[in-house]
């Protein structure tokens, strides 16, 4: 699936940000027109993934959306604690 390639990118980015890489898990929810990627991380790492004023997660979302656009789909990235 196309969304798997995007999920791989998101996972790579998130794992390189957090301290507890083993606690990172992704769930891909495929809809008709777009996909949602839910990222679960350890509670202490949530702030790192979101970043100051949401800058880090915004950058991750931008990269995911750019790849999705190249693959002619759309994607949303959500962070769960």
PDB file of N, CA and C in Angstrom:
ATOM      1  N   UNK A   1       0.850  -1.204   0.000  1.00  0.00           N
ATOM      2  CA  UNK A   1       0.000   0.000   0.000  1.00  0.00           C
ATOM      3  C   UNK A   1       0.879   1.245   0.000  1.00  0.00           C
ATOM      4  N   UNK A   2       0.329   2.271  -0.568  1.00  0.00           N
ATOM      5  CA  UNK A   2       1.011   3.561  -0.614  1.00  0.00           C
ATOM      6  C   UNK A   2       1.200   4.123   0.792  1.00  0.00           C
ATOM      7  N   UNK A   3       0.186   3.970   1.639  1.00  0.00           N
ATOM      8  CA  UNK A   3       0.258   4.531   2.993  1.00  0.00           C
ATOM      9  C   UNK A   3       1.367   3.879   3.822  1.00  0.00           C
ATOM     10  N   UNK A   4       1.773   2.654   3.466  1.00  0.00           N
ATOM     11  CA  UNK A   4       2.859   1.996   4.183  1.00  0.00           C
ATOM     12  C   UNK A   4       4.178   2.724   3.974  1.00  0.00           C
ATOM     13  N   UNK A   5       4.402   3.250   2.782  1.00  0.00           N
ATOM     14  CA  UNK A   5       5.637   4.001   2.508  1.00  0.00           C
ATOM     15  C   UNK A   5       5.667   5.291   3.328  1.00  0.00           C
ATOM     16  N   UNK A   6       4.516   5.925   3.450  1.00  0.00           N
ATOM     17  CA  UNK A   6       4.428   7.150   4.236  1.00  0.00           C
ATOM     18  C   UNK A   6       4.616   6.821   5.719  1.00  0.00           C
ATOM     19  N   UNK A   7       4.005   5.726   6.166  1.00  0.00           N
ATOM     20  CA  UNK A   7       4.138   5.299   7.560  1.00  0.00           C
ATOM     21  C   UNK A   7       5.596   4.980   7.890  1.00  0.00           C
ATOM     22  N   UNK A   8       6.315   4.385   6.946  1.00  0.00           N
ATOM     23  CA  UNK A   8       7.732   4.098   7.163  1.00  0.00           C
ATOM     24  C   UNK A   8       8.521   5.390   7.370  1.00  0.00           C
ATOM     25  N   UNK A   9       8.220   6.408   6.586  1.00  0.00           N
ATOM     26  CA  UNK A   9       8.881   7.704   6.738  1.00  0.00           C
ATOM     27  C   UNK A   9       8.574   8.313   8.108  1.00  0.00           C
ATOM     28  N   UNK A  10       7.301   8.316   8.481  1.00  0.00           N
ATOM     29  CA  UNK A  10       6.895   8.890   9.769  1.00  0.00           C
ATOM     30  C   UNK A  10       7.563   8.131  10.909  1.00  0.00           C
ATOM     31  N   UNK A  11       7.583   6.807  10.832  1.00  0.00           N
ATOM     32  CA  UNK A  11       8.212   6.003  11.880  1.00  0.00           C
ATOM     33  C   UNK A  11       9.703   6.327  11.987  1.00  0.00           C
ATOM     34  N   UNK A  12      10.380   6.424  10.857  1.00  0.00           N
ATOM     35  CA  UNK A  12      11.808   6.755  10.852  1.00  0.00           C
ATOM     36  C   UNK A  12      12.061   8.095  11.540  1.00  0.00           C
ATOM     37  N   UNK A  13      11.254   9.094  11.202  1.00  0.00           N
ATOM     38  CA  UNK A  13      11.426  10.421  11.785  1.00  0.00           C
ATOM     39  C   UNK A  13      11.163  10.408  13.290  1.00  0.00           C
ATOM     40  N   UNK A  14      10.069   9.778  13.708  1.00  0.00           N
ATOM     41  CA  UNK A  14       9.699   9.772  15.125  1.00  0.00           C
ATOM     42  C   UNK A  14      10.712   8.989  15.957  1.00  0.00           C
ATOM     43  N   UNK A  15      11.165   7.840  15.462  1.00  0.00           N
ATOM     44  CA  UNK A  15      12.128   7.023  16.199  1.00  0.00           C
ATOM     45  C   UNK A  15      13.427   7.797  16.412  1.00  0.00           C
ATOM     46  N   UNK A  16      13.816   8.625  15.443  1.00  0.00           N
ATOM     47  CA  UNK A  16      15.057   9.381  15.612  1.00  0.00           C
ATOM     48  C   UNK A  16      14.900  10.562  16.567  1.00  0.00           C
ATOM     49  N   UNK A  17      13.668  10.926  16.921  1.00  0.00           N
ATOM     50  CA  UNK A  17      13.420  12.042  17.836  1.00  0.00           C
ATOM     51  C   UNK A  17      13.351  11.575  19.293  1.00  0.00           C
ATOM     52  N   UNK A  18      12.696  10.454  19.534  1.00  0.00           N
ATOM     53  CA  UNK A  18      12.375  10.033  20.906  1.00  0.00           C
ATOM     54  C   UNK A  18      13.551   9.342  21.597  1.00  0.00           C
ATOM     55  N   UNK A  19      13.466   9.253  22.933  1.00  0.00           N
ATOM     56  CA  UNK A  19      14.465   8.532  23.717  1.00  0.00           C
ATOM     57  C   UNK A  19      14.164   7.031  23.751  1.00  0.00           C
ATOM     58  N   UNK A  20      12.882   6.678  23.896  1.00  0.00           N
ATOM     59  CA  UNK A  20      12.462   5.279  24.007  1.00  0.00           C
ATOM     60  C   UNK A  20      11.921   4.802  22.660  1.00  0.00           C
ATOM     61  N   UNK A  21      12.827   4.426  21.771  1.00  0.00           N
ATOM     62  CA  UNK A  21      12.437   4.037  20.408  1.00  0.00           C
ATOM     63  C   UNK A  21      11.582   2.769  20.388  1.00  0.00           C
ATOM     64  N   UNK A  22      11.749   1.910  21.394  1.00  0.00           N
ATOM     65  CA  UNK A  22      10.985   0.659  21.422  1.00  0.00           C
ATOM     66  C   UNK A  22       9.503   0.879  21.684  1.00  0.00           C
ATOM     67  N   UNK A  23       9.147   2.025  22.263  1.00  0.00           N
ATOM     68  CA  UNK A  23       7.745   2.273  22.585  1.00  0.00           C
ATOM     69  C   UNK A  23       6.972   2.915  21.431  1.00  0.00           C
ATOM     70  N   UNK A  24       7.654   3.213  20.330  1.00  0.00           N
ATOM     71  CA  UNK A  24       6.984   3.848  19.188  1.00  0.00           C
ATOM     72  C   UNK A  24       6.188   2.806  18.425  1.00  0.00           C
ATOM     73  N   UNK A  25       4.905   3.106  18.196  1.00  0.00           N
ATOM     74  CA  UNK A  25       4.090   2.230  17.355  1.00  0.00           C
ATOM     75  C   UNK A  25       3.184   3.089  16.494  1.00  0.00           C
ATOM     76  N   UNK A  26       2.908   2.590  15.308  1.00  0.00           N
ATOM     77  CA  UNK A  26       2.069   3.315  14.367  1.00  0.00           C
ATOM     78  C   UNK A  26       0.863   2.470  13.996  1.00  0.00           C
ATOM     79  N   UNK A  27      -0.254   3.137  13.845  1.00  0.00           N
ATOM     80  CA  UNK A  27      -1.457   2.479  13.332  1.00  0.00           C
ATOM     81  C   UNK A  27      -1.920   3.274  12.124  1.00  0.00           C
ATOM     82  N   UNK A  28      -2.074   2.599  10.998  1.00  0.00           N
ATOM     83  CA  UNK A  28      -2.509   3.253   9.769  1.00  0.00           C
ATOM     84  C   UNK A  28      -3.979   2.939   9.551  1.00  0.00           C
ATOM     85  N   UNK A  29      -4.777   3.997   9.444  1.00  0.00           N
ATOM     86  CA  UNK A  29      -6.211   3.849   9.202  1.00  0.00           C
ATOM     87  C   UNK A  29      -6.477   4.384   7.795  1.00  0.00           C
ATOM     88  N   UNK A  30      -6.767   3.462   6.887  1.00  0.00           N
ATOM     89  CA  UNK A  30      -7.003   3.856   5.499  1.00  0.00           C
ATOM     90  C   UNK A  30      -8.466   4.203   5.288  1.00  0.00           C
ATOM     91  N   UNK A  31      -8.703   5.406   4.771  1.00  0.00           N
ATOM     92  CA  UNK A  31     -10.049   5.824   4.407  1.00  0.00           C
ATOM     93  C   UNK A  31     -10.196   5.766   2.905  1.00  0.00           C
ATOM     94  N   UNK A  32     -11.323   6.246   2.395  1.00  0.00           N
ATOM     95  CA  UNK A  32     -11.545   6.235   0.950  1.00  0.00           C
ATOM     96  C   UNK A  32     -10.606   7.190   0.229  1.00  0.00           C
ATOM     97  N   UNK A  33     -10.507   8.419   0.722  1.00  0.00           N
ATOM     98  CA  UNK A  33      -9.721   9.440   0.033  1.00  0.00           C
ATOM     99  C   UNK A  33      -8.373   9.709   0.680  1.00  0.00           C
ATOM    100  N   UNK A  34      -8.224   9.360   1.947  1.00  0.00           N
ATOM    101  CA  UNK A  34      -6.971   9.652   2.635  1.00  0.00           C
ATOM    102  C   UNK A  34      -6.714   8.622   3.722  1.00  0.00           C
ATOM    103  N   UNK A  35      -5.534   8.712   4.315  1.00  0.00           N
ATOM    104  CA  UNK A  35      -5.163   7.810   5.400  1.00  0.00           C
ATOM    105  C   UNK A  35      -4.820   8.639   6.629  1.00  0.00           C
ATOM    106  N   UNK A  36      -4.976   8.030   7.783  1.00  0.00           N
ATOM    107  CA  UNK A  36      -4.569   8.650   9.034  1.00  0.00           C
ATOM    108  C   UNK A  36      -3.524   7.744   9.672  1.00  0.00           C
ATOM    109  N   UNK A  37      -2.423   8.350  10.096  1.00  0.00           N
ATOM    110  CA  UNK A  37      -1.376   7.608  10.781  1.00  0.00           C
ATOM    111  C   UNK A  37      -1.371   8.064  12.228  1.00  0.00           C
ATOM    112  N   UNK A  38      -1.677   7.137  13.134  1.00  0.00           N
ATOM    113  CA  UNK A  38      -1.675   7.440  14.564  1.00  0.00           C
ATOM    114  C   UNK A  38      -0.360   6.940  15.149  1.00  0.00           C
ATOM    115  N   UNK A  39       0.397   7.864  15.715  1.00  0.00           N
ATOM    116  CA  UNK A  39       1.705   7.550  16.286  1.00  0.00           C
ATOM    117  C   UNK A  39       1.568   7.489  17.803  1.00  0.00           C
ATOM    118  N   UNK A  40       1.922   6.362  18.394  1.00  0.00           N
ATOM    119  CA  UNK A  40       1.915   6.220  19.847  1.00  0.00           C
ATOM    120  C   UNK A  40       3.358   6.209  20.335  1.00  0.00           C
ATOM    121  N   UNK A  41       3.627   7.026  21.345  1.00  0.00           N
ATOM    122  CA  UNK A  41       4.965   7.084  21.937  1.00  0.00           C
ATOM    123  C   UNK A  41       4.826   7.048  23.455  1.00  0.00           C
ATOM    124  N   UNK A  42       5.942   6.826  24.142  1.00  0.00           N
ATOM    125  CA  UNK A  42       5.941   6.845  25.608  1.00  0.00           C
ATOM    126  C   UNK A  42       5.571   8.250  26.087  1.00  0.00           C
ATOM    127  N   UNK A  43       4.923   8.318  27.228  1.00  0.00           N
ATOM    128  CA  UNK A  43       4.442   9.592  27.772  1.00  0.00           C
ATOM    129  C   UNK A  43       5.524  10.672  27.857  1.00  0.00           C
ATOM    130  N   UNK A  44       6.740  10.356  28.331  1.00  0.00           N
ATOM    131  CA  UNK A  44       7.770  11.413  28.407  1.00  0.00           C
ATOM    132  C   UNK A  44       8.212  11.926  27.033  1.00  0.00           C
ATOM    133  N   UNK A  45       7.999  11.132  25.971  1.00  0.00           N
ATOM    134  CA  UNK A  45       8.447  11.520  24.631  1.00  0.00           C
ATOM    135  C   UNK A  45       7.420  12.323  23.842  1.00  0.00           C
ATOM    136  N   UNK A  46       6.206  12.430  24.356  1.00  0.00           N
ATOM    137  CA  UNK A  46       5.151  13.151  23.624  1.00  0.00           C
ATOM    138  C   UNK A  46       5.580  14.592  23.357  1.00  0.00           C
ATOM    139  N   UNK A  47       6.137  15.242  24.371  1.00  0.00           N
ATOM    140  CA  UNK A  47       6.552  16.637  24.211  1.00  0.00           C
ATOM    141  C   UNK A  47       7.652  16.779  23.164  1.00  0.00           C
ATOM    142  N   UNK A  48       8.541  15.800  23.091  1.00  0.00           N
ATOM    143  CA  UNK A  48       9.617  15.853  22.090  1.00  0.00           C
ATOM    144  C   UNK A  48       9.058  15.745  20.680  1.00  0.00           C
ATOM    145  N   UNK A  49       8.080  14.879  20.498  1.00  0.00           N
ATOM    146  CA  UNK A  49       7.500  14.680  19.167  1.00  0.00           C
ATOM    147  C   UNK A  49       6.708  15.917  18.741  1.00  0.00           C
ATOM    148  N   UNK A  50       6.004  16.525  19.683  1.00  0.00           N
ATOM    149  CA  UNK A  50       5.225  17.714  19.345  1.00  0.00           C
ATOM    150  C   UNK A  50       6.146  18.920  19.159  1.00  0.00           C
ATOM    151  N   UNK A  51       7.110  19.084  20.041  1.00  0.00           N
ATOM    152  CA  UNK A  51       8.063  20.181  19.913  1.00  0.00           C
ATOM    153  C   UNK A  51       7.505  21.493  20.430  1.00  0.00           C
ATOM    154  N   UNK A  52       8.355  22.511  20.450  1.00  0.00           N
ATOM    155  CA  UNK A  52       7.922  23.827  20.907  1.00  0.00           C
ATOM    156  C   UNK A  52       6.926  24.412  19.932  1.00  0.00           C
ATOM    157  N   UNK A  53       5.786  24.794  20.478  1.00  0.00           N
ATOM    158  CA  UNK A  53       4.699  25.383  19.684  1.00  0.00           C
ATOM    159  C   UNK A  53       4.288  24.475  18.524  1.00  0.00           C
ATOM    160  N   UNK A  54       4.513  23.168  18.659  1.00  0.00           N
ATOM    161  CA  UNK A  54       4.086  22.219  17.634  1.00  0.00           C
ATOM    162  C   UNK A  54       4.959  22.193  16.398  1.00  0.00           C
ATOM    163  N   UNK A  55       6.141  22.765  16.470  1.00  0.00           N
ATOM    164  CA  UNK A  55       6.996  22.861  15.280  1.00  0.00           C
ATOM    165  C   UNK A  55       7.467  21.503  14.781  1.00  0.00           C
ATOM    166  N   UNK A  56       7.832  20.602  15.693  1.00  0.00           N
ATOM    167  CA  UNK A  56       8.370  19.303  15.276  1.00  0.00           C
ATOM    168  C   UNK A  56       7.303  18.472  14.581  1.00  0.00           C
ATOM    169  N   UNK A  57       6.126  18.366  15.185  1.00  0.00           N
ATOM    170  CA  UNK A  57       5.075  17.570  14.557  1.00  0.00           C
ATOM    171  C   UNK A  57       4.611  18.222  13.261  1.00  0.00           C
ATOM    172  N   UNK A  58       4.656  19.527  13.191  1.00  0.00           N
ATOM    173  CA  UNK A  58       4.297  20.220  11.947  1.00  0.00           C
ATOM    174  C   UNK A  58       5.273  19.848  10.830  1.00  0.00           C
ATOM    175  N   UNK A  59       6.559  19.764  11.160  1.00  0.00           N
ATOM    176  CA  UNK A  59       7.561  19.374  10.169  1.00  0.00           C
ATOM    177  C   UNK A  59       7.354  17.931   9.715  1.00  0.00           C
ATOM    178  N   UNK A  60       7.048  17.038  10.667  1.00  0.00           N
ATOM    179  CA  UNK A  60       6.785  15.640  10.320  1.00  0.00           C
ATOM    180  C   UNK A  60       5.567  15.556   9.405  1.00  0.00           C
ATOM    181  N   UNK A  61       4.509  16.305   9.743  1.00  0.00           N
ATOM    182  CA  UNK A  61       3.302  16.303   8.908  1.00  0.00           C
ATOM    183  C   UNK A  61       3.590  16.849   7.517  1.00  0.00           C
ATOM    184  N   UNK A  62       4.414  17.901   7.443  1.00  0.00           N
ATOM    185  CA  UNK A  62       4.754  18.483   6.141  1.00  0.00           C
ATOM    186  C   UNK A  62       5.475  17.472   5.261  1.00  0.00           C
ATOM    187  N   UNK A  63       6.442  16.765   5.821  1.00  0.00           N
ATOM    188  CA  UNK A  63       7.165  15.746   5.053  1.00  0.00           C
ATOM    189  C   UNK A  63       6.238  14.605   4.633  1.00  0.00           C
ATOM    190  N   UNK A  64       5.365  14.179   5.541  1.00  0.00           N
ATOM    191  CA  UNK A  64       4.425  13.097   5.211  1.00  0.00           C
ATOM    192  C   UNK A  64       3.466  13.527   4.102  1.00  0.00           C
ATOM    193  N   UNK A  65       2.975  14.759   4.185  1.00  0.00           N
ATOM    194  CA  UNK A  65       2.056  15.253   3.155  1.00  0.00           C
ATOM    195  C   UNK A  65       2.758  15.431   1.813  1.00  0.00           C
ATOM    196  N   UNK A  66       4.027  15.838   1.844  1.00  0.00           N
ATOM    197  CA  UNK A  66       4.785  15.993   0.600  1.00  0.00           C
ATOM    198  C   UNK A  66       4.955  14.646  -0.097  1.00  0.00           C
ATOM    199  N   UNK A  67       5.299  13.612   0.674  1.00  0.00           N
ATOM    200  CA  UNK A  67       5.420  12.279   0.091  1.00  0.00           C
ATOM    201  C   UNK A  67       4.066  11.788  -0.403  1.00  0.00           C
ATOM    202  N   UNK A  68       3.016  12.044   0.372  1.00  0.00           N
ATOM    203  CA  UNK A  68       1.672  11.630  -0.028  1.00  0.00           C
ATOM    204  C   UNK A  68       1.270  12.309  -1.344  1.00  0.00           C
ATOM    205  N   UNK A  69       1.615  13.582  -1.495  1.00  0.00           N
ATOM    206  CA  UNK A  69       1.287  14.295  -2.728  1.00  0.00           C
ATOM    207  C   UNK A  69       2.008  13.673  -3.925  1.00  0.00           C
ATOM    208  N   UNK A  70       3.255  13.280  -3.713  1.00  0.00           N
ATOM    209  CA  UNK A  70       4.006  12.619  -4.800  1.00  0.00           C
ATOM    210  C   UNK A  70       3.375  11.283  -5.174  1.00  0.00           C
ATOM    211  N   UNK A  71       2.774  10.625  -4.183  1.00  0.00           N
ATOM    212  CA  UNK A  71       2.140   9.324  -4.410  1.00  0.00           C
ATOM    213  C   UNK A  71       0.654   9.465  -4.734  1.00  0.00           C
ATOM    214  N   UNK A  72       0.218  10.708  -4.930  1.00  0.00           N
ATOM    215  CA  UNK A  72      -1.158  11.042  -5.323  1.00  0.00           C
ATOM    216  C   UNK A  72      -2.197  10.543  -4.321  1.00  0.00           C
ATOM    217  N   UNK A  73      -1.954  10.830  -3.064  1.00  0.00           N
ATOM    218  CA  UNK A  73      -2.905  10.526  -2.005  1.00  0.00           C
ATOM    219  C   UNK A  73      -2.806  11.634  -0.966  1.00  0.00           C
ATOM    220  N   UNK A  74      -3.489  11.473   0.150  1.00  0.00           N
ATOM    221  CA  UNK A  74      -3.354  12.442   1.233  1.00  0.00           C
ATOM    222  C   UNK A  74      -3.293  11.693   2.551  1.00  0.00           C
ATOM    223  N   UNK A  75      -2.695  12.369   3.555  1.00  0.00           N
ATOM    224  CA  UNK A  75      -2.452  11.704   4.829  1.00  0.00           C
ATOM    225  C   UNK A  75      -2.535  12.715   5.958  1.00  0.00           C
ATOM    226  N   UNK A  76      -2.953  12.233   7.125  1.00  0.00           N
ATOM    227  CA  UNK A  76      -2.938  13.025   8.359  1.00  0.00           C
ATOM    228  C   UNK A  76      -2.105  12.255   9.373  1.00  0.00           C
ATOM    229  N   UNK A  77      -1.358  12.978  10.195  1.00  0.00           N
ATOM    230  CA  UNK A  77      -0.537  12.358  11.232  1.00  0.00           C
ATOM    231  C   UNK A  77      -1.005  12.866  12.584  1.00  0.00           C
ATOM    232  N   UNK A  78      -1.361  11.949  13.489  1.00  0.00           N
ATOM    233  CA  UNK A  78      -1.812  12.282  14.830  1.00  0.00           C
ATOM    234  C   UNK A  78      -0.885  11.645  15.851  1.00  0.00           C
ATOM    235  N   UNK A  79      -0.630  12.343  16.954  1.00  0.00           N
ATOM    236  CA  UNK A  79       0.233  11.821  18.024  1.00  0.00           C
ATOM    237  C   UNK A  79      -0.626  11.421  19.217  1.00  0.00           C
ATOM    238  N   UNK A  80      -0.439  10.210  19.692  1.00  0.00           N
ATOM    239  CA  UNK A  80      -1.134   9.716  20.867  1.00  0.00           C
ATOM    240  C   UNK A  80      -0.123   9.478  21.964  1.00  0.00           C
ATOM    241  N   UNK A  81      -0.488   9.844  23.192  1.00  0.00           N
ATOM    242  CA  UNK A  81       0.443   9.667  24.305  1.00  0.00           C
ATOM    243  C   UNK A  81       0.471   8.272  24.827  1.00  0.00           C
TER     244      UNK A  81
END
